[in-house]
Amino acid sequence: MFDSYLLGTAGLLMAGLVVIGAVAVRTAWLLPWLRYRTVRPELWGYGSMSFGTGMFLLMSWGALDAFGGTRVLHGAMGIIGVLMMTAGAYLQSRSARPRLDA
């Protein structure tokens, strides 16, 4: 019972991240605190969508028994989630200009 509430909350949060990424890809609109450093909003949007999807996979792979207890598929889903999060973080870092104060 608790897993469904937790999974629903995670789904809403990650869906919000994916929607913000899709808006950035489609219209090049960013949240106000991201506008200064982000040079390529479309690339940031793709990274945001990849990161949100990977995070949702990681958060849901233990809560759902979608594969009937197959350990290989459970492990593959976790690895895919980590790779998607890593790719999303990399794309988001490549979309921003370097910090000048460091």
PDB file of N, CA and C in Angstrom:
ATOM      1  N   MET A   1       0.823  -1.192   0.000  1.00  0.00           N
ATOM      2  CA  MET A   1       0.000   0.000   0.000  1.00  0.00           C
ATOM      3  C   MET A   1       0.871   1.261   0.000  1.00  0.00           C
ATOM      4  N   PHE A   2       1.887   1.250   0.869  1.00  0.00           N
ATOM      5  CA  PHE A   2       2.761   2.411   0.948  1.00  0.00           C
ATOM      6  C   PHE A   2       3.574   2.575  -0.328  1.00  0.00           C
ATOM      7  N   ASP A   3       3.925   1.444  -0.960  1.00  0.00           N
ATOM      8  CA  ASP A   3       4.698   1.512  -2.207  1.00  0.00           C
ATOM      9  C   ASP A   3       3.945   2.248  -3.295  1.00  0.00           C
ATOM     10  N   SER A   4       2.628   2.068  -3.354  1.00  0.00           N
ATOM     11  CA  SER A   4       1.863   2.734  -4.409  1.00  0.00           C
ATOM     12  C   SER A   4       1.827   4.252  -4.193  1.00  0.00           C
ATOM     13  N   TYR A   5       1.744   4.699  -2.930  1.00  0.00           N
ATOM     14  CA  TYR A   5       1.779   6.138  -2.671  1.00  0.00           C
ATOM     15  C   TYR A   5       3.151   6.728  -3.010  1.00  0.00           C
ATOM     16  N   LEU A   6       4.181   6.022  -2.632  1.00  0.00           N
ATOM     17  CA  LEU A   6       5.531   6.489  -2.913  1.00  0.00           C
ATOM     18  C   LEU A   6       5.806   6.511  -4.410  1.00  0.00           C
ATOM     19  N   LEU A   7       5.369   5.470  -5.094  1.00  0.00           N
ATOM     20  CA  LEU A   7       5.559   5.399  -6.531  1.00  0.00           C
ATOM     21  C   LEU A   7       4.739   6.467  -7.253  1.00  0.00           C
ATOM     22  N   GLY A   8       3.539   6.735  -6.766  1.00  0.00           N
ATOM     23  CA  GLY A   8       2.715   7.789  -7.362  1.00  0.00           C
ATOM     24  C   GLY A   8       3.333   9.164  -7.190  1.00  0.00           C
ATOM     25  N   THR A   9       3.880   9.426  -6.010  1.00  0.00           N
ATOM     26  CA  THR A   9       4.550  10.701  -5.764  1.00  0.00           C
ATOM     27  C   THR A   9       5.784  10.850  -6.634  1.00  0.00           C
ATOM     28  N   ALA A  10       6.578   9.792  -6.725  1.00  0.00           N
ATOM     29  CA  ALA A  10       7.768   9.832  -7.578  1.00  0.00           C
ATOM     30  C   ALA A  10       7.372  10.011  -9.033  1.00  0.00           C
ATOM     31  N   GLY A  11       6.303   9.354  -9.450  1.00  0.00           N
ATOM     32  CA  GLY A  11       5.834   9.493 -10.827  1.00  0.00           C
ATOM     33  C   GLY A  11       5.416  10.911 -11.148  1.00  0.00           C
ATOM     34  N   LEU A  12       4.720  11.562 -10.217  1.00  0.00           N
ATOM     35  CA  LEU A  12       4.320  12.954 -10.448  1.00  0.00           C
ATOM     36  C   LEU A  12       5.518  13.887 -10.532  1.00  0.00           C
ATOM     37  N   LEU A  13       6.477  13.703  -9.635  1.00  0.00           N
ATOM     38  CA  LEU A  13       7.655  14.571  -9.652  1.00  0.00           C
ATOM     39  C   LEU A  13       8.493  14.375 -10.913  1.00  0.00           C
ATOM     40  N   MET A  14       8.696  13.133 -11.297  1.00  0.00           N
ATOM     41  CA  MET A  14       9.512  12.873 -12.488  1.00  0.00           C
ATOM     42  C   MET A  14       8.748  13.261 -13.762  1.00  0.00           C
ATOM     43  N   ALA A  15       7.423  13.120 -13.756  1.00  0.00           N
ATOM     44  CA  ALA A  15       6.637  13.585 -14.909  1.00  0.00           C
ATOM     45  C   ALA A  15       6.745  15.097 -15.043  1.00  0.00           C
ATOM     46  N   GLY A  16       6.772  15.809 -13.927  1.00  0.00           N
ATOM     47  CA  GLY A  16       6.979  17.254 -13.979  1.00  0.00           C
ATOM     48  C   GLY A  16       8.321  17.614 -14.568  1.00  0.00           C
ATOM     49  N   LEU A  17       9.354  16.862 -14.217  1.00  0.00           N
ATOM     50  CA  LEU A  17      10.685  17.105 -14.775  1.00  0.00           C
ATOM     51  C   LEU A  17      10.714  16.836 -16.276  1.00  0.00           C
ATOM     52  N   VAL A  18      10.035  15.781 -16.699  1.00  0.00           N
ATOM     53  CA  VAL A  18       9.984  15.458 -18.128  1.00  0.00           C
ATOM     54  C   VAL A  18       9.196  16.515 -18.895  1.00  0.00           C
ATOM     55  N   VAL A  19       8.104  17.013 -18.310  1.00  0.00           N
ATOM     56  CA  VAL A  19       7.311  18.055 -18.972  1.00  0.00           C
ATOM     57  C   VAL A  19       8.105  19.348 -19.099  1.00  0.00           C
ATOM     58  N   ILE A  20       8.832  19.728 -18.061  1.00  0.00           N
ATOM     59  CA  ILE A  20       9.666  20.933 -18.140  1.00  0.00           C
ATOM     60  C   ILE A  20      10.731  20.768 -19.221  1.00  0.00           C
ATOM     61  N   GLY A  21      11.295  19.563 -19.324  1.00  0.00           N
ATOM     62  CA  GLY A  21      12.272  19.295 -20.376  1.00  0.00           C
ATOM     63  C   GLY A  21      11.652  19.371 -21.761  1.00  0.00           C
ATOM     64  N   ALA A  22      10.440  18.841 -21.905  1.00  0.00           N
ATOM     65  CA  ALA A  22       9.766  18.890 -23.209  1.00  0.00           C
ATOM     66  C   ALA A  22       9.436  20.323 -23.603  1.00  0.00           C
ATOM     67  N   VAL A  23       9.052  21.144 -22.637  1.00  0.00           N
ATOM     68  CA  VAL A  23       8.786  22.560 -22.917  1.00  0.00           C
ATOM     69  C   VAL A  23      10.067  23.262 -23.342  1.00  0.00           C
ATOM     70  N   ALA A  24      11.179  22.925 -22.702  1.00  0.00           N
ATOM     71  CA  ALA A  24      12.457  23.537 -23.076  1.00  0.00           C
ATOM     72  C   ALA A  24      12.873  23.123 -24.484  1.00  0.00           C
ATOM     73  N   VAL A  25      12.626  21.865 -24.845  1.00  0.00           N
ATOM     74  CA  VAL A  25      12.976  21.403 -26.191  1.00  0.00           C
ATOM     75  C   VAL A  25      12.099  22.078 -27.231  1.00  0.00           C
ATOM     76  N   ARG A  26      10.823  22.177 -26.949  1.00  0.00           N
ATOM     77  CA  ARG A  26       9.868  22.677 -27.938  1.00  0.00           C
ATOM     78  C   ARG A  26       9.928  24.193 -28.115  1.00  0.00           C
ATOM     79  N   THR A  27      10.024  24.924 -27.003  1.00  0.00           N
ATOM     80  CA  THR A  27       9.903  26.382 -27.077  1.00  0.00           C
ATOM     81  C   THR A  27      11.161  27.137 -26.662  1.00  0.00           C
ATOM     82  N   ALA A  28      12.174  26.446 -26.159  1.00  0.00           N
ATOM     83  CA  ALA A  28      13.406  27.051 -25.641  1.00  0.00           C
ATOM     84  C   ALA A  28      13.142  27.915 -24.408  1.00  0.00           C
ATOM     85  N   TRP A  29      12.059  27.644 -23.682  1.00  0.00           N
ATOM     86  CA  TRP A  29      11.748  28.349 -22.445  1.00  0.00           C
ATOM     87  C   TRP A  29      12.365  27.589 -21.284  1.00  0.00           C
ATOM     88  N   LEU A  30      12.984  28.317 -20.360  1.00  0.00           N
ATOM     89  CA  LEU A  30      13.600  27.711 -19.182  1.00  0.00           C
ATOM     90  C   LEU A  30      13.043  28.351 -17.922  1.00  0.00           C
ATOM     91  N   LEU A  31      13.228  27.662 -16.815  1.00  0.00           N
ATOM     92  CA  LEU A  31      12.866  28.234 -15.530  1.00  0.00           C
ATOM     93  C   LEU A  31      13.749  29.455 -15.268  1.00  0.00           C
ATOM     94  N   PRO A  32      13.257  30.447 -14.542  1.00  0.00           N
ATOM     95  CA  PRO A  32      14.002  31.708 -14.393  1.00  0.00           C
ATOM     96  C   PRO A  32      15.415  31.550 -13.839  1.00  0.00           C
ATOM     97  N   TRP A  33      15.647  30.647 -12.908  1.00  0.00           N
ATOM     98  CA  TRP A  33      16.979  30.523 -12.324  1.00  0.00           C
ATOM     99  C   TRP A  33      17.950  29.760 -13.223  1.00  0.00           C
ATOM    100  N   LEU A  34      17.469  29.226 -14.336  1.00  0.00           N
ATOM    101  CA  LEU A  34      18.341  28.523 -15.276  1.00  0.00           C
ATOM    102  C   LEU A  34      18.703  29.365 -16.499  1.00  0.00           C
ATOM    103  N   ARG A  35      18.069  30.484 -16.661  1.00  0.00           N
ATOM    104  CA  ARG A  35      18.225  31.257 -17.898  1.00  0.00           C
ATOM    105  C   ARG A  35      19.604  31.876 -18.054  1.00  0.00           C
ATOM    106  N   TYR A  36      20.244  32.236 -16.971  1.00  0.00           N
ATOM    107  CA  TYR A  36      21.521  32.933 -17.074  1.00  0.00           C
ATOM    108  C   TYR A  36      22.632  32.008 -17.560  1.00  0.00           C
ATOM    109  N   ARG A  37      22.725  30.821 -16.974  1.00  0.00           N
ATOM    110  CA  ARG A  37      23.853  29.937 -17.287  1.00  0.00           C
ATOM    111  C   ARG A  37      23.601  29.012 -18.464  1.00  0.00           C
ATOM    112  N   THR A  38      22.361  28.770 -18.830  1.00  0.00           N
ATOM    113  CA  THR A  38      22.074  27.793 -19.878  1.00  0.00           C
ATOM    114  C   THR A  38      22.149  28.456 -21.246  1.00  0.00           C
ATOM    115  N   VAL A  39      23.047  27.965 -22.068  1.00  0.00           N
ATOM    116  CA  VAL A  39      23.255  28.520 -23.397  1.00  0.00           C
ATOM    117  C   VAL A  39      22.372  27.813 -24.426  1.00  0.00           C
ATOM    118  N   ARG A  40      22.203  26.505 -24.278  1.00  0.00           N
ATOM    119  CA  ARG A  40      21.422  25.703 -25.227  1.00  0.00           C
ATOM    120  C   ARG A  40      20.236  25.067 -24.502  1.00  0.00           C
ATOM    121  N   PRO A  41      19.083  25.721 -24.500  1.00  0.00           N
ATOM    122  CA  PRO A  41      17.936  25.189 -23.758  1.00  0.00           C
ATOM    123  C   PRO A  41      17.405  23.876 -24.310  1.00  0.00           C
ATOM    124  N   GLU A  42      17.534  23.647 -25.622  1.00  0.00           N
ATOM    125  CA  GLU A  42      17.039  22.389 -26.172  1.00  0.00           C
ATOM    126  C   GLU A  42      17.848  21.208 -25.636  1.00  0.00           C
ATOM    127  N   LEU A  43      19.152  21.370 -25.573  1.00  0.00           N
ATOM    128  CA  LEU A  43      20.007  20.312 -25.034  1.00  0.00           C
ATOM    129  C   LEU A  43      19.714  20.082 -23.558  1.00  0.00           C
ATOM    130  N   TRP A  44      19.470  21.156 -22.822  1.00  0.00           N
ATOM    131  CA  TRP A  44      19.102  21.019 -21.417  1.00  0.00           C
ATOM    132  C   TRP A  44      17.782  20.265 -21.282  1.00  0.00           C
ATOM    133  N   GLY A  45      16.847  20.525 -22.176  1.00  0.00           N
ATOM    134  CA  GLY A  45      15.562  19.837 -22.136  1.00  0.00           C
ATOM    135  C   GLY A  45      15.694  18.345 -22.389  1.00  0.00           C
ATOM    136  N   TYR A  46      16.522  17.966 -23.367  1.00  0.00           N
ATOM    137  CA  TYR A  46      16.750  16.540 -23.612  1.00  0.00           C
ATOM    138  C   TYR A  46      17.402  15.878 -22.404  1.00  0.00           C
ATOM    139  N   GLY A  47      18.335  16.580 -21.787  1.00  0.00           N
ATOM    140  CA  GLY A  47      18.972  16.044 -20.582  1.00  0.00           C
ATOM    141  C   GLY A  47      17.991  15.904 -19.434  1.00  0.00           C
ATOM    142  N   SER A  48      17.105  16.862 -19.295  1.00  0.00           N
ATOM    143  CA  SER A  48      16.103  16.809 -18.239  1.00  0.00           C
ATOM    144  C   SER A  48      15.141  15.638 -18.448  1.00  0.00           C
ATOM    145  N   MET A  49      14.726  15.422 -19.686  1.00  0.00           N
ATOM    146  CA  MET A  49      13.824  14.300 -19.965  1.00  0.00           C
ATOM    147  C   MET A  49      14.515  12.963 -19.723  1.00  0.00           C
ATOM    148  N   SER A  50      15.770  12.847 -20.114  1.00  0.00           N
ATOM    149  CA  SER A  50      16.509  11.608 -19.889  1.00  0.00           C
ATOM    150  C   SER A  50      16.730  11.369 -18.397  1.00  0.00           C
ATOM    151  N   PHE A  51      17.091  12.412 -17.672  1.00  0.00           N
ATOM    152  CA  PHE A  51      17.326  12.274 -16.236  1.00  0.00           C
ATOM    153  C   PHE A  51      16.045  11.892 -15.506  1.00  0.00           C
ATOM    154  N   GLY A  52      14.934  12.535 -15.845  1.00  0.00           N
ATOM    155  CA  GLY A  52      13.667  12.232 -15.185  1.00  0.00           C
ATOM    156  C   GLY A  52      13.186  10.815 -15.457  1.00  0.00           C
ATOM    157  N   THR A  53      13.342  10.358 -16.680  1.00  0.00           N
ATOM    158  CA  THR A  53      12.931   8.998 -17.016  1.00  0.00           C
ATOM    159  C   THR A  53      13.823   7.971 -16.320  1.00  0.00           C
ATOM    160  N   GLY A  54      15.120   8.224 -16.302  1.00  0.00           N
ATOM    161  CA  GLY A  54      16.033   7.314 -15.611  1.00  0.00           C
ATOM    162  C   GLY A  54      15.778   7.272 -14.117  1.00  0.00           C
ATOM    163  N   MET A  55      15.494   8.415 -13.516  1.00  0.00           N
ATOM    164  CA  MET A  55      15.198   8.454 -12.089  1.00  0.00           C
ATOM    165  C   MET A  55      13.915   7.695 -11.771  1.00  0.00           C
ATOM    166  N   PHE A  56      12.906   7.833 -12.636  1.00  0.00           N
ATOM    167  CA  PHE A  56      11.664   7.098 -12.405  1.00  0.00           C
ATOM    168  C   PHE A  56      11.889   5.591 -12.543  1.00  0.00           C
ATOM    169  N   LEU A  57      12.699   5.187 -13.502  1.00  0.00           N
ATOM    170  CA  LEU A  57      13.020   3.759 -13.618  1.00  0.00           C
ATOM    171  C   LEU A  57      13.712   3.250 -12.361  1.00  0.00           C
ATOM    172  N   LEU A  58      14.647   4.018 -11.852  1.00  0.00           N
ATOM    173  CA  LEU A  58      15.348   3.595 -10.635  1.00  0.00           C
ATOM    174  C   LEU A  58      14.426   3.544  -9.427  1.00  0.00           C
ATOM    175  N   MET A  59      13.511   4.484  -9.338  1.00  0.00           N
ATOM    176  CA  MET A  59      12.620   4.517  -8.184  1.00  0.00           C
ATOM    177  C   MET A  59      11.527   3.462  -8.264  1.00  0.00           C
ATOM    178  N   SER A  60      11.202   3.016  -9.459  1.00  0.00           N
ATOM    179  CA  SER A  60      10.085   2.083  -9.590  1.00  0.00           C
ATOM    180  C   SER A  60      10.508   0.638  -9.808  1.00  0.00           C
ATOM    181  N   TRP A  61      11.760   0.356 -10.069  1.00  0.00           N
ATOM    182  CA  TRP A  61      12.145  -1.008 -10.414  1.00  0.00           C
ATOM    183  C   TRP A  61      12.019  -1.975  -9.248  1.00  0.00           C
ATOM    184  N   GLY A  62      12.132  -1.503  -8.035  1.00  0.00           N
ATOM    185  CA  GLY A  62      11.944  -2.378  -6.883  1.00  0.00           C
ATOM    186  C   GLY A  62      10.504  -2.450  -6.421  1.00  0.00           C
ATOM    187  N   ALA A  63       9.721  -1.436  -6.713  1.00  0.00           N
ATOM    188  CA  ALA A  63       8.342  -1.394  -6.253  1.00  0.00           C
ATOM    189  C   ALA A  63       7.405  -2.220  -7.130  1.00  0.00           C
ATOM    190  N   LEU A  64       7.746  -2.385  -8.380  1.00  0.00           N
ATOM    191  CA  LEU A  64       6.906  -3.140  -9.291  1.00  0.00           C
ATOM    192  C   LEU A  64       7.520  -4.502  -9.577  1.00  0.00           C
ATOM    193  N   ASP A  65       6.683  -5.511  -9.651  1.00  0.00           N
ATOM    194  CA  ASP A  65       7.149  -6.831 -10.055  1.00  0.00           C
ATOM    195  C   ASP A  65       6.643  -7.092 -11.470  1.00  0.00           C
ATOM    196  N   ALA A  66       7.093  -6.255 -12.394  1.00  0.00           N
ATOM    197  CA  ALA A  66       6.600  -6.321 -13.763  1.00  0.00           C
ATOM    198  C   ALA A  66       7.202  -7.470 -14.546  1.00  0.00           C
ATOM    199  N   PHE A  67       8.325  -8.005 -14.081  1.00  0.00           N
ATOM    200  CA  PHE A  67       9.019  -9.039 -14.833  1.00  0.00           C
ATOM    201  C   PHE A  67       8.842 -10.422 -14.240  1.00  0.00           C
ATOM    202  N   GLY A  68       7.971 -10.570 -13.273  1.00  0.00           N
ATOM    203  CA  GLY A  68       7.714 -11.889 -12.705  1.00  0.00           C
ATOM    204  C   GLY A  68       8.885 -12.453 -11.916  1.00  0.00           C
ATOM    205  N   GLY A  69       9.660 -11.628 -11.297  1.00  0.00           N
ATOM    206  CA  GLY A  69      10.763 -12.083 -10.463  1.00  0.00           C
ATOM    207  C   GLY A  69      12.034 -12.428 -11.218  1.00  0.00           C
ATOM    208  N   THR A  70      12.148 -12.040 -12.474  1.00  0.00           N
ATOM    209  CA  THR A  70      13.352 -12.317 -13.253  1.00  0.00           C
ATOM    210  C   THR A  70      14.462 -11.370 -12.805  1.00  0.00           C
ATOM    211  N   ARG A  71      15.512 -11.940 -12.248  1.00  0.00           N
ATOM    212  CA  ARG A  71      16.573 -11.115 -11.680  1.00  0.00           C
ATOM    213  C   ARG A  71      17.370 -10.382 -12.749  1.00  0.00           C
ATOM    214  N   VAL A  72      17.539 -10.998 -13.911  1.00  0.00           N
ATOM    215  CA  VAL A  72      18.324 -10.358 -14.970  1.00  0.00           C
ATOM    216  C   VAL A  72      17.628  -9.099 -15.466  1.00  0.00           C
ATOM    217  N   LEU A  73      16.319  -9.171 -15.670  1.00  0.00           N
ATOM    218  CA  LEU A  73      15.597  -7.995 -16.150  1.00  0.00           C
ATOM    219  C   LEU A  73      15.524  -6.908 -15.087  1.00  0.00           C
ATOM    220  N   HIS A  74      15.414  -7.304 -13.817  1.00  0.00           N
ATOM    221  CA  HIS A  74      15.439  -6.297 -12.753  1.00  0.00           C
ATOM    222  C   HIS A  74      16.778  -5.571 -12.732  1.00  0.00           C
ATOM    223  N   GLY A  75      17.861  -6.320 -12.857  1.00  0.00           N
ATOM    224  CA  GLY A  75      19.184  -5.698 -12.882  1.00  0.00           C
ATOM    225  C   GLY A  75      19.379  -4.818 -14.103  1.00  0.00           C
ATOM    226  N   ALA A  76      18.885  -5.273 -15.247  1.00  0.00           N
ATOM    227  CA  ALA A  76      19.018  -4.476 -16.474  1.00  0.00           C
ATOM    228  C   ALA A  76      18.238  -3.175 -16.360  1.00  0.00           C
ATOM    229  N   MET A  77      17.075  -3.225 -15.729  1.00  0.00           N
ATOM    230  CA  MET A  77      16.283  -2.001 -15.574  1.00  0.00           C
ATOM    231  C   MET A  77      17.005  -0.997 -14.676  1.00  0.00           C
ATOM    232  N   GLY A  78      17.665  -1.497 -13.635  1.00  0.00           N
ATOM    233  CA  GLY A  78      18.437  -0.604 -12.778  1.00  0.00           C
ATOM    234  C   GLY A  78      19.617   0.008 -13.505  1.00  0.00           C
ATOM    235  N   ILE A  79      20.313  -0.796 -14.288  1.00  0.00           N
ATOM    236  CA  ILE A  79      21.459  -0.288 -15.038  1.00  0.00           C
ATOM    237  C   ILE A  79      21.021   0.730 -16.080  1.00  0.00           C
ATOM    238  N   ILE A  80      19.912   0.459 -16.765  1.00  0.00           N
ATOM    239  CA  ILE A  80      19.396   1.401 -17.761  1.00  0.00           C
ATOM    240  C   ILE A  80      19.010   2.717 -17.095  1.00  0.00           C
ATOM    241  N   GLY A  81      18.407   2.642 -15.906  1.00  0.00           N
ATOM    242  CA  GLY A  81      18.051   3.854 -15.187  1.00  0.00           C
ATOM    243  C   GLY A  81      19.269   4.694 -14.831  1.00  0.00           C
ATOM    244  N   VAL A  82      20.319   4.035 -14.361  1.00  0.00           N
ATOM    245  CA  VAL A  82      21.552   4.755 -14.012  1.00  0.00           C
ATOM    246  C   VAL A  82      22.186   5.371 -15.259  1.00  0.00           C
ATOM    247  N   LEU A  83      22.212   4.626 -16.356  1.00  0.00           N
ATOM    248  CA  LEU A  83      22.791   5.157 -17.588  1.00  0.00           C
ATOM    249  C   LEU A  83      21.992   6.342 -18.129  1.00  0.00           C
ATOM    250  N   MET A  84      20.666   6.271 -18.030  1.00  0.00           N
ATOM    251  CA  MET A  84      19.842   7.397 -18.495  1.00  0.00           C
ATOM    252  C   MET A  84      20.062   8.629 -17.619  1.00  0.00           C
ATOM    253  N   MET A  85      20.185   8.427 -16.305  1.00  0.00           N
ATOM    254  CA  MET A  85      20.452   9.556 -15.422  1.00  0.00           C
ATOM    255  C   MET A  85      21.817  10.171 -15.707  1.00  0.00           C
ATOM    256  N   THR A  86      22.813   9.337 -15.942  1.00  0.00           N
ATOM    257  CA  THR A  86      24.152   9.827 -16.243  1.00  0.00           C
ATOM    258  C   THR A  86      24.174  10.596 -17.557  1.00  0.00           C
ATOM    259  N   ALA A  87      23.502  10.045 -18.564  1.00  0.00           N
ATOM    260  CA  ALA A  87      23.439  10.741 -19.858  1.00  0.00           C
ATOM    261  C   ALA A  87      22.703  12.067 -19.728  1.00  0.00           C
ATOM    262  N   GLY A  88      21.617  12.093 -18.961  1.00  0.00           N
ATOM    263  CA  GLY A  88      20.876  13.335 -18.764  1.00  0.00           C
ATOM    264  C   GLY A  88      21.691  14.385 -18.037  1.00  0.00           C
ATOM    265  N   ALA A  89      22.411  13.967 -16.999  1.00  0.00           N
ATOM    266  CA  ALA A  89      23.256  14.920 -16.271  1.00  0.00           C
ATOM    267  C   ALA A  89      24.374  15.446 -17.167  1.00  0.00           C
ATOM    268  N   TYR A  90      24.923  14.580 -18.006  1.00  0.00           N
ATOM    269  CA  TYR A  90      25.977  15.018 -18.928  1.00  0.00           C
ATOM    270  C   TYR A  90      25.433  16.029 -19.931  1.00  0.00           C
ATOM    271  N   LEU A  91      24.263  15.757 -20.499  1.00  0.00           N
ATOM    272  CA  LEU A  91      23.677  16.695 -21.457  1.00  0.00           C
ATOM    273  C   LEU A  91      23.367  18.038 -20.802  1.00  0.00           C
ATOM    274  N   GLN A  92      22.868  17.993 -19.573  1.00  0.00           N
ATOM    275  CA  GLN A  92      22.577  19.245 -18.877  1.00  0.00           C
ATOM    276  C   GLN A  92      23.852  20.019 -18.579  1.00  0.00           C
ATOM    277  N   SER A  93      24.919  19.324 -18.251  1.00  0.00           N
ATOM    278  CA  SER A  93      26.174  20.039 -17.979  1.00  0.00           C
ATOM    279  C   SER A  93      26.762  20.623 -19.259  1.00  0.00           C
ATOM    280  N   ARG A  94      26.579  19.969 -20.392  1.00  0.00           N
ATOM    281  CA  ARG A  94      27.090  20.484 -21.661  1.00  0.00           C
ATOM    282  C   ARG A  94      26.264  21.667 -22.180  1.00  0.00           C
ATOM    283  N   SER A  95      25.048  21.827 -21.679  1.00  0.00           N
ATOM    284  CA  SER A  95      24.206  22.921 -22.154  1.00  0.00           C
ATOM    285  C   SER A  95      24.483  24.233 -21.436  1.00  0.00           C
ATOM    286  N   ALA A  96      25.238  24.187 -20.356  1.00  0.00           N
ATOM    287  CA  ALA A  96      25.485  25.389 -19.552  1.00  0.00           C
ATOM    288  C   ALA A  96      26.857  25.980 -19.861  1.00  0.00           C
ATOM    289  N   ARG A  97      26.965  27.272 -19.699  1.00  0.00           N
ATOM    290  CA  ARG A  97      28.271  27.911 -19.869  1.00  0.00           C
ATOM    291  C   ARG A  97      29.092  27.682 -18.616  1.00  0.00           C
ATOM    292  N   PRO A  98      30.395  27.714 -18.752  1.00  0.00           N
ATOM    293  CA  PRO A  98      31.253  27.465 -17.590  1.00  0.00           C
ATOM    294  C   PRO A  98      31.132  28.583 -16.561  1.00  0.00           C
ATOM    295  N   ARG A  99      31.323  28.201 -15.309  1.00  0.00           N
ATOM    296  CA  ARG A  99      31.287  29.197 -14.236  1.00  0.00           C
ATOM    297  C   ARG A  99      32.518  30.079 -14.289  1.00  0.00           C
ATOM    298  N   LEU A 100      32.307  31.348 -14.093  1.00  0.00           N
ATOM    299  CA  LEU A 100      33.417  32.292 -14.138  1.00  0.00           C
ATOM    300  C   LEU A 100      33.972  32.622 -12.762  1.00  0.00           C
ATOM    301  N   ASP A 101      33.211  32.324 -11.727  1.00  0.00           N
ATOM    302  CA  ASP A 101      33.645  32.670 -10.371  1.00  0.00           C
ATOM    303  C   ASP A 101      34.512  31.592  -9.741  1.00  0.00           C
ATOM    304  N   ALA A 102      34.652  30.448 -10.348  1.00  0.00           N
ATOM    305  CA  ALA A 102      35.436  29.359  -9.751  1.00  0.00           C
ATOM    306  C   ALA A 102      36.880  29.395 -10.190  1.00  0.00           C
TER     307      ALA A 102
END
